[in-house]
């Protein structure tokens, strides 16, 4: 039968201008969007971070049509429903991938709920919580690892690395971050190294003696 033969050709990867997947976005063919019928959460829900600081991941929704094809050009409104905080933009438009986003920060009234709406479509709601940032950070320098390899602290706080490497030499060498970078440590097999950091941002570092031994310090307001 013709239908069975067509299905066999699709399974074998035989290409035609019509495409085996059609226009619905569910197969291998092109996806031609129709009118949006829904927005779905695509990033940023359920985060926990620090008060009055942007969440690490933007809140994002994807507009889709009845065949789940992403739809560009859809206007999305973002509003804080409960809790304090702020949004980088209150309105954004879906891009060529159908995604609209905003950067959220949670105020002192945690927890927070943000609603995404698009005209005539069901809404989506995002939640986030926040607390006070740590006023110090501690990292253990072991053989071939920093533990934890990612820490966060409030601006003006001090991060301290403590060597527990059995005398094996390691160092803390900064790679990137707001300039000027903090002072890197000397090569050492014991003791400690500390930096007090006042500039907000993410600082990355590594050990010059052991490949793959990396870490980061994030400084927040």
N, C-alpha and C. Protein backbone atom coordinates (compact mmCIF):
# COMPACT_ATOMS: atom_id res chain seq x y z
N UNK A 1 0.85 -1.20 0.00
CA UNK A 1 0.00 0.00 0.00
C UNK A 1 0.88 1.25 0.00
N UNK A 2 0.33 2.38 -0.50
CA UNK A 2 1.11 3.60 -0.63
C UNK A 2 1.56 4.14 0.72
N UNK A 3 0.65 4.10 1.71
CA UNK A 3 0.99 4.65 3.04
C UNK A 3 2.11 3.84 3.66
N UNK A 4 1.99 2.51 3.57
CA UNK A 4 3.03 1.66 4.15
C UNK A 4 4.35 1.90 3.47
N UNK A 5 4.32 2.05 2.11
CA UNK A 5 5.57 2.30 1.39
C UNK A 5 6.19 3.63 1.81
N UNK A 6 5.36 4.67 1.99
CA UNK A 6 5.87 5.98 2.44
C UNK A 6 6.52 5.87 3.82
N UNK A 7 5.86 5.12 4.74
CA UNK A 7 6.42 4.96 6.07
C UNK A 7 7.76 4.24 6.02
N UNK A 8 7.88 3.22 5.10
CA UNK A 8 9.15 2.52 4.98
C UNK A 8 10.25 3.44 4.46
N UNK A 9 9.90 4.32 3.53
CA UNK A 9 10.87 5.27 3.00
C UNK A 9 11.34 6.22 4.09
N UNK A 10 10.42 6.69 4.93
CA UNK A 10 10.80 7.57 6.04
C UNK A 10 11.76 6.87 6.98
N UNK A 11 11.45 5.60 7.29
CA UNK A 11 12.30 4.86 8.21
C UNK A 11 13.69 4.66 7.64
N UNK A 12 13.78 4.56 6.30
CA UNK A 12 15.08 4.38 5.67
C UNK A 12 15.83 5.68 5.47
N UNK A 13 15.20 6.82 5.81
CA UNK A 13 15.88 8.10 5.70
C UNK A 13 15.86 8.67 4.30
N UNK A 14 14.94 8.19 3.42
CA UNK A 14 14.85 8.73 2.08
C UNK A 14 14.25 10.12 2.14
N UNK A 15 14.92 11.14 1.57
CA UNK A 15 14.48 12.52 1.70
C UNK A 15 13.66 12.98 0.51
N UNK A 16 12.59 13.71 0.79
CA UNK A 16 11.78 14.36 -0.21
C UNK A 16 11.52 15.78 0.23
N UNK A 17 11.12 16.64 -0.66
CA UNK A 17 10.90 18.03 -0.32
C UNK A 17 9.81 18.21 0.70
N UNK A 18 8.86 17.25 0.77
CA UNK A 18 7.78 17.37 1.75
C UNK A 18 8.27 17.09 3.15
N UNK A 19 9.28 16.24 3.31
CA UNK A 19 9.81 15.90 4.63
C UNK A 19 8.94 14.87 5.31
N UNK A 20 9.59 13.88 5.92
CA UNK A 20 8.84 12.81 6.57
C UNK A 20 8.13 13.29 7.81
N UNK A 21 8.65 14.33 8.46
CA UNK A 21 8.06 14.77 9.71
C UNK A 21 6.92 15.74 9.52
N UNK A 22 6.72 16.26 8.33
CA UNK A 22 5.66 17.23 8.12
C UNK A 22 6.02 18.55 8.74
N UNK A 23 5.01 19.41 8.92
CA UNK A 23 5.23 20.75 9.47
C UNK A 23 4.93 20.83 10.95
N UNK A 24 4.65 19.71 11.60
CA UNK A 24 4.22 19.75 12.99
C UNK A 24 5.34 19.85 13.99
N UNK A 25 6.58 19.68 13.59
CA UNK A 25 7.68 19.77 14.53
C UNK A 25 7.96 18.50 15.28
N UNK A 26 7.15 17.42 15.01
CA UNK A 26 7.35 16.19 15.74
C UNK A 26 8.21 15.19 15.01
N UNK A 27 8.61 15.45 13.76
CA UNK A 27 9.41 14.51 13.00
C UNK A 27 10.71 15.14 12.55
N UNK A 28 11.17 14.69 11.39
CA UNK A 28 12.47 15.17 10.93
C UNK A 28 12.35 16.31 9.94
N UNK A 29 11.14 16.66 9.51
CA UNK A 29 10.95 17.70 8.51
C UNK A 29 10.97 19.08 9.13
N UNK A 30 10.78 20.11 8.29
CA UNK A 30 10.78 21.49 8.80
C UNK A 30 9.57 21.77 9.67
N UNK A 31 9.70 22.76 10.53
CA UNK A 31 8.62 23.13 11.45
C UNK A 31 8.13 24.52 11.08
N UNK A 32 6.95 24.60 10.51
CA UNK A 32 6.36 25.89 10.14
C UNK A 32 5.32 26.26 11.18
N UNK A 33 5.58 27.27 12.02
CA UNK A 33 4.66 27.52 13.14
C UNK A 33 3.34 28.11 12.70
N UNK A 34 2.29 27.68 13.40
CA UNK A 34 0.98 28.31 13.28
C UNK A 34 0.75 29.21 14.47
N UNK A 35 -0.49 29.62 14.72
CA UNK A 35 -0.77 30.47 15.88
C UNK A 35 -0.41 29.77 17.19
N UNK A 36 0.13 30.54 18.13
CA UNK A 36 0.48 29.97 19.43
C UNK A 36 -0.77 29.53 20.19
N UNK A 37 -0.69 28.35 20.78
CA UNK A 37 -1.79 27.84 21.59
C UNK A 37 -1.39 27.66 23.05
N UNK A 38 -0.10 27.82 23.35
CA UNK A 38 0.36 27.61 24.73
C UNK A 38 1.73 28.25 24.92
N UNK A 39 2.05 28.55 26.16
CA UNK A 39 3.42 28.85 26.56
C UNK A 39 3.80 27.84 27.63
N UNK A 40 5.01 27.33 27.52
CA UNK A 40 5.49 26.32 28.48
C UNK A 40 6.78 26.81 29.12
N UNK A 41 6.98 26.45 30.37
CA UNK A 41 8.20 26.84 31.07
C UNK A 41 9.41 26.15 30.45
N UNK A 42 10.45 26.93 30.18
CA UNK A 42 11.66 26.36 29.58
C UNK A 42 12.90 26.55 30.43
N UNK A 43 12.89 27.47 31.40
CA UNK A 43 14.07 27.64 32.26
C UNK A 43 13.72 28.47 33.48
N UNK A 44 14.47 28.24 34.56
CA UNK A 44 14.47 29.15 35.70
C UNK A 44 13.51 28.87 36.83
N UNK A 45 12.66 27.87 36.73
CA UNK A 45 11.68 27.64 37.80
C UNK A 45 12.33 26.96 39.00
N UNK A 46 11.87 27.33 40.21
CA UNK A 46 12.26 26.64 41.42
C UNK A 46 13.66 26.93 41.92
N UNK A 47 14.22 28.09 41.58
CA UNK A 47 15.58 28.40 42.01
C UNK A 47 15.62 28.91 43.45
N UNK A 48 16.77 28.74 44.08
CA UNK A 48 17.04 29.28 45.40
C UNK A 48 18.35 30.04 45.33
N UNK A 49 18.33 31.31 45.75
CA UNK A 49 19.54 32.13 45.62
C UNK A 49 19.60 33.11 46.78
N UNK A 50 20.15 34.29 46.56
CA UNK A 50 20.37 35.25 47.63
C UNK A 50 19.55 36.52 47.37
N UNK A 51 19.05 37.13 48.45
CA UNK A 51 18.16 38.28 48.32
C UNK A 51 18.83 39.43 47.58
N UNK A 52 18.01 40.08 46.76
CA UNK A 52 18.44 41.28 46.01
C UNK A 52 19.59 41.02 45.05
N UNK A 53 19.68 39.79 44.56
CA UNK A 53 20.67 39.42 43.55
C UNK A 53 19.96 38.68 42.42
N UNK A 54 20.35 38.93 41.17
CA UNK A 54 19.72 38.22 40.05
C UNK A 54 19.87 36.71 40.19
N UNK A 55 18.80 35.98 39.91
CA UNK A 55 18.89 34.53 39.92
C UNK A 55 19.89 34.06 38.86
N UNK A 56 20.59 32.97 39.10
CA UNK A 56 21.61 32.51 38.15
C UNK A 56 21.06 32.19 36.77
N UNK A 57 19.81 31.71 36.68
CA UNK A 57 19.21 31.32 35.40
C UNK A 57 18.00 32.19 35.12
N UNK A 58 17.91 32.83 33.95
CA UNK A 58 16.72 33.63 33.62
C UNK A 58 15.46 32.79 33.63
N UNK A 59 14.32 33.44 33.90
CA UNK A 59 13.03 32.78 33.74
C UNK A 59 12.70 32.78 32.25
N UNK A 60 12.29 31.63 31.73
CA UNK A 60 12.02 31.54 30.30
C UNK A 60 10.79 30.70 30.00
N UNK A 61 10.05 31.10 28.97
CA UNK A 61 8.94 30.32 28.45
C UNK A 61 9.13 30.15 26.95
N UNK A 62 8.56 29.08 26.41
CA UNK A 62 8.55 28.85 24.98
C UNK A 62 7.11 28.83 24.50
N UNK A 63 6.82 29.63 23.48
CA UNK A 63 5.50 29.63 22.86
C UNK A 63 5.45 28.51 21.82
N UNK A 64 4.37 27.72 21.82
CA UNK A 64 4.22 26.62 20.87
C UNK A 64 2.83 26.64 20.26
N UNK A 65 2.74 26.08 19.02
CA UNK A 65 1.43 25.98 18.38
C UNK A 65 0.81 24.63 18.71
N UNK A 66 -0.30 24.30 18.06
CA UNK A 66 -1.03 23.08 18.37
C UNK A 66 -0.23 21.82 18.08
N UNK A 67 0.80 21.95 17.22
CA UNK A 67 1.66 20.80 16.90
C UNK A 67 3.00 20.86 17.63
N UNK A 68 3.09 21.69 18.67
CA UNK A 68 4.30 21.84 19.50
C UNK A 68 5.44 22.51 18.76
N UNK A 69 5.15 23.20 17.68
CA UNK A 69 6.18 23.94 16.95
C UNK A 69 6.43 25.27 17.64
N UNK A 70 7.69 25.66 17.90
CA UNK A 70 7.98 26.95 18.54
C UNK A 70 7.49 28.12 17.68
N UNK A 71 6.93 29.13 18.35
CA UNK A 71 6.33 30.26 17.65
C UNK A 71 7.07 31.55 18.03
N UNK A 72 7.70 32.23 17.08
CA UNK A 72 8.35 33.51 17.37
C UNK A 72 7.33 34.65 17.37
N UNK A 73 7.75 35.79 17.93
CA UNK A 73 6.95 37.00 17.86
C UNK A 73 5.78 37.08 18.81
N UNK A 74 5.75 36.23 19.84
CA UNK A 74 4.65 36.26 20.81
C UNK A 74 5.06 37.15 21.99
N UNK A 75 4.19 38.08 22.34
CA UNK A 75 4.46 39.02 23.43
C UNK A 75 4.12 38.37 24.77
N UNK A 76 5.07 38.37 25.69
CA UNK A 76 4.89 37.74 27.01
C UNK A 76 5.06 38.81 28.08
N UNK A 77 4.09 38.88 28.99
CA UNK A 77 4.14 39.80 30.13
C UNK A 77 4.58 39.04 31.37
N UNK A 78 5.46 39.67 32.16
CA UNK A 78 6.00 39.08 33.39
C UNK A 78 5.58 39.95 34.57
N UNK A 79 4.96 39.35 35.59
CA UNK A 79 4.53 40.11 36.77
C UNK A 79 4.85 39.33 38.03
N UNK A 80 5.33 40.04 39.05
CA UNK A 80 5.54 39.43 40.36
C UNK A 80 4.21 39.39 41.09
N UNK A 81 3.79 38.18 41.45
CA UNK A 81 2.49 38.00 42.10
C UNK A 81 2.60 38.04 43.62
N UNK A 82 3.60 37.40 44.16
CA UNK A 82 3.82 37.40 45.61
C UNK A 82 5.31 37.51 45.88
N UNK A 83 5.65 38.07 47.04
CA UNK A 83 7.05 38.24 47.40
C UNK A 83 7.64 39.48 46.77
N UNK A 84 8.78 39.92 47.29
CA UNK A 84 9.43 41.11 46.76
C UNK A 84 10.36 40.77 45.61
N UNK A 85 11.09 41.77 45.18
CA UNK A 85 12.08 41.56 44.13
C UNK A 85 11.85 42.43 42.92
N UNK A 86 12.47 42.07 41.81
CA UNK A 86 12.35 42.85 40.59
C UNK A 86 12.68 42.01 39.37
N UNK A 87 12.25 42.52 38.20
CA UNK A 87 12.47 41.84 36.93
C UNK A 87 13.26 42.76 36.01
N UNK A 88 14.14 42.19 35.21
CA UNK A 88 14.92 43.00 34.28
C UNK A 88 14.03 43.64 33.22
N UNK A 89 13.03 42.91 32.75
CA UNK A 89 12.02 43.45 31.83
C UNK A 89 10.67 42.89 32.24
N UNK A 90 9.63 43.72 32.08
CA UNK A 90 8.28 43.28 32.41
C UNK A 90 7.56 42.70 31.19
N UNK A 91 8.17 42.85 30.02
CA UNK A 91 7.56 42.34 28.79
C UNK A 91 8.68 41.94 27.83
N UNK A 92 8.55 40.78 27.23
CA UNK A 92 9.53 40.33 26.24
C UNK A 92 8.82 39.57 25.14
N UNK A 93 9.48 39.45 23.99
CA UNK A 93 8.90 38.82 22.82
C UNK A 93 9.67 37.55 22.48
N UNK A 94 8.95 36.49 22.14
CA UNK A 94 9.63 35.23 21.82
C UNK A 94 10.53 35.39 20.59
N UNK A 95 11.71 34.79 20.67
CA UNK A 95 12.69 34.89 19.60
C UNK A 95 12.45 33.83 18.53
N UNK A 96 13.41 33.63 17.65
CA UNK A 96 13.25 32.68 16.56
C UNK A 96 13.09 31.25 17.04
N UNK A 97 13.50 30.98 18.27
CA UNK A 97 13.32 29.66 18.86
C UNK A 97 12.06 29.57 19.71
N UNK A 98 11.26 30.65 19.69
CA UNK A 98 10.01 30.66 20.46
C UNK A 98 10.17 30.99 21.92
N UNK A 99 11.35 31.48 22.33
CA UNK A 99 11.65 31.68 23.75
C UNK A 99 11.60 33.15 24.11
N UNK A 100 10.92 33.47 25.22
CA UNK A 100 10.95 34.79 25.83
C UNK A 100 11.45 34.64 27.26
N UNK A 101 12.20 35.64 27.75
CA UNK A 101 12.81 35.48 29.06
C UNK A 101 12.91 36.82 29.78
N UNK A 102 13.13 36.73 31.09
CA UNK A 102 13.43 37.89 31.93
C UNK A 102 14.34 37.43 33.06
N UNK A 103 15.15 38.35 33.57
CA UNK A 103 16.04 38.04 34.70
C UNK A 103 15.34 38.50 35.98
N UNK A 104 15.27 37.61 36.93
CA UNK A 104 14.51 37.84 38.16
C UNK A 104 15.46 37.97 39.35
N UNK A 105 15.11 38.86 40.28
CA UNK A 105 15.80 38.89 41.57
C UNK A 105 14.74 38.86 42.66
N UNK A 106 15.06 38.17 43.75
CA UNK A 106 14.11 37.99 44.84
C UNK A 106 14.45 38.96 45.96
N UNK A 107 13.45 39.70 46.42
CA UNK A 107 13.66 40.63 47.53
C UNK A 107 13.63 39.92 48.86
N UNK A 108 13.57 40.69 49.92
CA UNK A 108 13.62 40.11 51.26
C UNK A 108 12.36 39.36 51.62
N UNK A 109 11.26 39.60 50.86
CA UNK A 109 10.00 38.90 51.13
C UNK A 109 9.98 37.58 50.36
N UNK A 110 10.78 36.63 50.80
CA UNK A 110 10.83 35.32 50.16
C UNK A 110 9.73 34.45 50.80
N UNK A 111 9.05 33.58 50.11
CA UNK A 111 9.30 33.19 48.73
C UNK A 111 8.53 34.08 47.75
N UNK A 112 8.84 33.88 46.46
CA UNK A 112 8.32 34.73 45.42
C UNK A 112 7.65 33.89 44.34
N UNK A 113 6.61 34.49 43.70
CA UNK A 113 5.97 33.83 42.56
C UNK A 113 5.84 34.84 41.43
N UNK A 114 6.31 34.46 40.24
CA UNK A 114 6.25 35.30 39.05
C UNK A 114 5.36 34.62 38.02
N UNK A 115 4.48 35.41 37.40
CA UNK A 115 3.55 34.86 36.41
C UNK A 115 3.92 35.35 35.02
N UNK A 116 3.91 34.42 34.06
CA UNK A 116 4.11 34.74 32.65
C UNK A 116 2.78 34.60 31.93
N UNK A 117 2.39 35.63 31.18
CA UNK A 117 1.12 35.61 30.47
C UNK A 117 1.32 36.05 29.03
N UNK A 118 0.55 35.46 28.13
CA UNK A 118 0.47 35.87 26.74
C UNK A 118 -1.00 35.88 26.36
N UNK A 119 -1.42 36.86 25.59
CA UNK A 119 -2.83 37.10 25.31
C UNK A 119 -3.55 35.83 24.85
N UNK A 120 -4.61 35.47 25.59
CA UNK A 120 -5.45 34.36 25.21
C UNK A 120 -4.89 32.98 25.50
N UNK A 121 -3.71 32.90 26.13
CA UNK A 121 -3.08 31.60 26.39
C UNK A 121 -3.02 31.32 27.89
N UNK A 122 -3.02 30.05 28.28
CA UNK A 122 -2.87 29.72 29.70
C UNK A 122 -1.56 30.28 30.26
N UNK A 123 -1.60 30.70 31.51
CA UNK A 123 -0.44 31.32 32.14
C UNK A 123 0.52 30.26 32.68
N UNK A 124 1.74 30.71 32.99
CA UNK A 124 2.73 29.87 33.66
C UNK A 124 3.25 30.62 34.87
N UNK A 125 3.51 29.89 35.96
CA UNK A 125 3.96 30.51 37.20
C UNK A 125 5.29 29.91 37.65
N UNK A 126 6.20 30.79 38.04
CA UNK A 126 7.53 30.41 38.50
C UNK A 126 7.67 30.75 39.98
N UNK A 127 8.35 29.90 40.73
CA UNK A 127 8.61 30.17 42.14
C UNK A 127 10.11 30.27 42.38
N UNK A 128 10.48 31.04 43.40
CA UNK A 128 11.88 31.18 43.78
C UNK A 128 11.94 31.53 45.27
N UNK A 129 13.02 31.15 45.90
CA UNK A 129 13.26 31.51 47.29
C UNK A 129 14.65 32.13 47.40
N UNK A 130 14.86 32.87 48.48
CA UNK A 130 16.16 33.53 48.66
C UNK A 130 16.43 33.72 50.15
N UNK A 131 17.71 33.78 50.48
CA UNK A 131 18.13 34.03 51.84
C UNK A 131 19.32 34.97 51.85
N UNK A 132 19.81 35.27 53.04
CA UNK A 132 20.97 36.15 53.16
C UNK A 132 22.21 35.43 52.67
N UNK A 133 23.08 36.12 51.93
CA UNK A 133 24.30 35.46 51.44
C UNK A 133 25.28 35.19 52.57
N UNK A 134 26.13 34.17 52.44
CA UNK A 134 27.14 33.89 53.46
C UNK A 134 28.12 35.06 53.58
N UNK A 135 28.63 35.25 54.78
CA UNK A 135 29.60 36.32 55.04
C UNK A 135 31.03 35.79 55.06
N UNK A 136 31.22 34.54 54.67
CA UNK A 136 32.56 33.97 54.50
C UNK A 136 32.42 32.71 53.66
N UNK A 137 33.54 32.20 53.17
CA UNK A 137 33.54 30.96 52.40
C UNK A 137 34.81 30.19 52.72
N UNK A 138 34.69 28.87 52.73
CA UNK A 138 35.84 28.01 53.05
C UNK A 138 35.95 26.90 52.02
N UNK A 139 37.18 26.65 51.56
CA UNK A 139 37.46 25.62 50.56
C UNK A 139 38.63 24.77 51.06
N UNK A 140 38.48 23.46 50.95
CA UNK A 140 39.57 22.54 51.29
C UNK A 140 40.33 22.19 50.02
N UNK A 141 41.66 22.30 50.10
CA UNK A 141 42.52 21.94 48.97
C UNK A 141 43.00 20.51 49.22
N UNK A 142 42.41 19.58 48.50
CA UNK A 142 42.80 18.17 48.60
C UNK A 142 43.63 17.80 47.39
N UNK A 143 44.04 16.56 47.33
CA UNK A 143 44.78 16.12 46.15
C UNK A 143 43.85 16.02 44.96
N UNK A 144 44.10 16.89 43.97
CA UNK A 144 43.38 16.91 42.70
C UNK A 144 41.95 17.43 42.78
N UNK A 145 41.60 18.13 43.86
CA UNK A 145 40.26 18.72 43.92
C UNK A 145 40.20 19.86 44.92
N UNK A 146 39.33 20.83 44.62
CA UNK A 146 38.93 21.86 45.57
C UNK A 146 37.54 21.48 46.06
N UNK A 147 37.33 21.52 47.38
CA UNK A 147 36.04 21.08 47.92
C UNK A 147 35.50 22.08 48.94
N UNK A 148 34.32 22.68 48.64
CA UNK A 148 33.56 22.57 47.40
C UNK A 148 34.25 23.35 46.28
N UNK A 149 33.95 23.00 45.03
CA UNK A 149 34.62 23.68 43.93
C UNK A 149 33.89 24.95 43.49
N UNK A 150 32.75 25.24 44.12
CA UNK A 150 32.03 26.48 43.84
C UNK A 150 31.45 27.01 45.14
N UNK A 151 31.79 28.25 45.49
CA UNK A 151 31.27 28.88 46.71
C UNK A 151 30.74 30.26 46.35
N UNK A 152 29.89 30.79 47.23
CA UNK A 152 29.36 32.14 47.06
C UNK A 152 29.44 32.86 48.40
N UNK A 153 29.60 34.17 48.35
CA UNK A 153 29.66 34.96 49.58
C UNK A 153 29.30 36.41 49.27
N UNK A 154 29.01 37.15 50.33
CA UNK A 154 28.63 38.56 50.20
C UNK A 154 29.86 39.43 49.95
N UNK A 155 29.64 40.51 49.21
CA UNK A 155 30.74 41.42 48.94
C UNK A 155 31.39 41.89 50.23
N UNK A 156 32.72 41.98 50.22
CA UNK A 156 33.47 42.36 51.41
C UNK A 156 33.82 41.20 52.32
N UNK A 157 33.40 39.99 51.95
CA UNK A 157 33.69 38.80 52.77
C UNK A 157 35.01 38.17 52.35
N UNK A 158 35.44 37.18 53.13
CA UNK A 158 36.73 36.53 52.91
C UNK A 158 36.53 35.06 52.59
N UNK A 159 37.21 34.60 51.54
CA UNK A 159 37.25 33.17 51.21
C UNK A 159 38.62 32.64 51.60
N UNK A 160 38.64 31.48 52.27
CA UNK A 160 39.88 30.89 52.76
C UNK A 160 40.02 29.47 52.24
N UNK A 161 41.18 29.19 51.64
CA UNK A 161 41.53 27.84 51.22
C UNK A 161 42.44 27.23 52.28
N UNK A 162 42.15 26.00 52.68
CA UNK A 162 42.97 25.29 53.67
C UNK A 162 43.51 24.01 53.03
N UNK A 163 44.85 23.88 53.04
CA UNK A 163 45.48 22.72 52.42
C UNK A 163 45.32 21.49 53.29
N UNK A 164 44.86 20.41 52.66
CA UNK A 164 44.77 19.10 53.31
C UNK A 164 45.21 18.05 52.28
N UNK A 165 46.42 18.25 51.80
CA UNK A 165 46.90 17.47 50.66
C UNK A 165 48.09 16.58 51.00
N UNK A 166 48.36 16.40 52.29
CA UNK A 166 49.46 15.51 52.68
C UNK A 166 50.81 15.98 52.20
N UNK A 167 50.98 17.31 52.10
CA UNK A 167 52.25 17.86 51.68
C UNK A 167 52.42 18.01 50.18
N UNK A 168 51.46 17.53 49.40
CA UNK A 168 51.54 17.67 47.94
C UNK A 168 51.29 19.14 47.58
N UNK A 169 52.09 19.66 46.67
CA UNK A 169 52.01 21.08 46.32
C UNK A 169 50.83 21.38 45.40
N UNK A 170 50.08 22.41 45.77
CA UNK A 170 48.99 22.96 44.95
C UNK A 170 49.06 24.48 45.05
N UNK A 171 48.33 25.15 44.17
CA UNK A 171 48.17 26.59 44.31
C UNK A 171 46.77 26.99 43.86
N UNK A 172 46.42 28.24 44.15
CA UNK A 172 45.16 28.85 43.72
C UNK A 172 45.54 29.95 42.75
N UNK A 173 45.30 29.73 41.46
CA UNK A 173 45.68 30.69 40.42
C UNK A 173 44.42 31.19 39.72
N UNK A 174 44.15 32.48 39.85
CA UNK A 174 42.92 33.04 39.27
C UNK A 174 43.00 33.09 37.75
N UNK A 175 41.87 32.77 37.11
CA UNK A 175 41.75 32.81 35.66
C UNK A 175 40.97 34.02 35.17
N UNK A 176 39.81 34.26 35.78
CA UNK A 176 38.91 35.29 35.26
C UNK A 176 38.07 35.86 36.39
N UNK A 177 37.49 37.01 36.09
CA UNK A 177 36.65 37.71 37.05
C UNK A 177 36.83 39.20 36.87
N UNK A 178 36.10 40.00 37.62
CA UNK A 178 36.29 41.45 37.56
C UNK A 178 37.73 41.82 37.89
N UNK A 179 38.28 42.72 37.12
CA UNK A 179 39.67 43.13 37.36
C UNK A 179 39.73 44.35 38.26
N UNK A 180 40.81 44.51 39.01
CA UNK A 180 41.94 43.59 39.10
C UNK A 180 41.58 42.31 39.86
N UNK A 181 42.13 41.19 39.41
CA UNK A 181 41.86 39.92 40.07
C UNK A 181 42.50 39.89 41.45
N UNK A 182 41.92 39.13 42.38
CA UNK A 182 42.57 38.96 43.68
C UNK A 182 43.94 38.30 43.52
N UNK A 183 44.74 38.38 44.55
CA UNK A 183 46.07 37.77 44.51
C UNK A 183 45.97 36.26 44.56
N UNK A 184 46.69 35.60 43.65
CA UNK A 184 46.77 34.14 43.67
C UNK A 184 47.69 33.70 44.81
N UNK A 185 47.60 32.43 45.16
CA UNK A 185 48.44 31.91 46.24
C UNK A 185 49.81 31.53 45.70
N UNK A 186 50.74 31.35 46.62
CA UNK A 186 52.03 30.75 46.29
C UNK A 186 51.84 29.23 46.19
N UNK A 187 52.71 28.52 45.47
CA UNK A 187 52.69 27.06 45.52
C UNK A 187 52.99 26.60 46.94
N UNK A 188 52.18 25.73 47.49
CA UNK A 188 52.38 25.30 48.86
C UNK A 188 51.75 23.94 49.08
N UNK A 189 52.26 23.23 50.09
CA UNK A 189 51.75 21.91 50.43
C UNK A 189 50.99 21.87 51.73
N UNK A 190 50.91 23.02 52.43
CA UNK A 190 50.17 23.11 53.70
C UNK A 190 49.81 24.56 53.94
N UNK A 191 49.06 24.78 55.01
CA UNK A 191 48.70 26.15 55.38
C UNK A 191 47.41 26.62 54.73
N UNK A 192 47.27 27.95 54.62
CA UNK A 192 46.05 28.53 54.10
C UNK A 192 46.37 29.67 53.14
N UNK A 193 45.34 30.07 52.40
CA UNK A 193 45.40 31.28 51.56
C UNK A 193 44.03 31.92 51.62
N UNK A 194 44.00 33.26 51.76
CA UNK A 194 42.73 33.97 51.88
C UNK A 194 42.68 35.17 50.95
N UNK A 195 41.46 35.49 50.48
CA UNK A 195 41.20 36.71 49.73
C UNK A 195 39.92 37.36 50.25
N UNK A 196 39.98 38.63 50.51
CA UNK A 196 38.78 39.43 50.80
C UNK A 196 38.40 40.14 49.51
N UNK A 197 37.17 39.90 49.03
CA UNK A 197 36.77 40.38 47.71
C UNK A 197 35.57 41.32 47.85
N UNK A 198 35.69 42.50 47.24
CA UNK A 198 34.62 43.50 47.37
C UNK A 198 33.84 43.71 46.07
N UNK A 199 34.37 43.31 44.94
CA UNK A 199 33.71 43.55 43.66
C UNK A 199 32.82 42.37 43.30
N UNK A 200 31.55 42.66 43.03
CA UNK A 200 30.57 41.62 42.70
C UNK A 200 30.93 40.96 41.37
N UNK A 201 30.81 39.64 41.30
CA UNK A 201 31.07 38.91 40.08
C UNK A 201 31.48 37.48 40.38
N UNK A 202 31.76 36.75 39.31
CA UNK A 202 32.18 35.36 39.44
C UNK A 202 33.66 35.25 39.08
N UNK A 203 34.43 34.67 39.99
CA UNK A 203 35.87 34.52 39.83
C UNK A 203 36.18 33.03 39.66
N UNK A 204 36.96 32.69 38.65
CA UNK A 204 37.36 31.30 38.45
C UNK A 204 38.86 31.16 38.71
N UNK A 205 39.25 29.97 39.11
CA UNK A 205 40.65 29.71 39.43
C UNK A 205 40.99 28.25 39.14
N UNK A 206 42.28 27.93 39.15
CA UNK A 206 42.73 26.57 38.91
C UNK A 206 44.02 26.33 39.69
N UNK A 207 44.45 25.07 39.71
CA UNK A 207 45.76 24.69 40.25
C UNK A 207 46.70 24.48 39.08
N UNK A 208 47.85 25.15 39.11
CA UNK A 208 48.82 25.03 38.02
C UNK A 208 49.49 23.66 37.96
N UNK A 209 49.37 22.88 39.01
CA UNK A 209 50.11 21.62 39.09
C UNK A 209 49.27 20.40 38.73
N UNK A 210 47.95 20.57 38.65
CA UNK A 210 47.09 19.41 38.41
C UNK A 210 45.95 19.82 37.46
N UNK A 211 45.99 19.30 36.24
CA UNK A 211 44.97 19.61 35.25
C UNK A 211 43.58 19.18 35.70
N UNK A 212 42.59 20.00 35.41
CA UNK A 212 41.21 19.70 35.79
C UNK A 212 40.86 20.09 37.20
N UNK A 213 41.82 20.61 37.96
CA UNK A 213 41.56 21.03 39.34
C UNK A 213 41.18 22.51 39.29
N UNK A 214 39.87 22.78 39.32
CA UNK A 214 39.36 24.13 39.11
C UNK A 214 38.29 24.46 40.15
N UNK A 215 37.99 25.75 40.26
CA UNK A 215 36.94 26.18 41.19
C UNK A 215 36.48 27.58 40.87
N UNK A 216 35.50 28.05 41.64
CA UNK A 216 34.97 29.40 41.43
C UNK A 216 34.47 29.98 42.73
N UNK A 217 34.54 31.31 42.78
CA UNK A 217 33.98 32.09 43.90
C UNK A 217 33.02 33.12 43.31
N UNK A 218 31.76 33.09 43.71
CA UNK A 218 30.79 34.07 43.26
C UNK A 218 30.53 35.06 44.37
N UNK A 219 30.72 36.34 44.08
CA UNK A 219 30.53 37.41 45.07
C UNK A 219 29.23 38.14 44.73
N UNK A 220 28.33 38.24 45.69
CA UNK A 220 27.01 38.84 45.47
C UNK A 220 26.84 40.04 46.39
N UNK A 221 25.77 40.81 46.13
CA UNK A 221 25.48 41.99 46.95
C UNK A 221 25.13 41.59 48.38
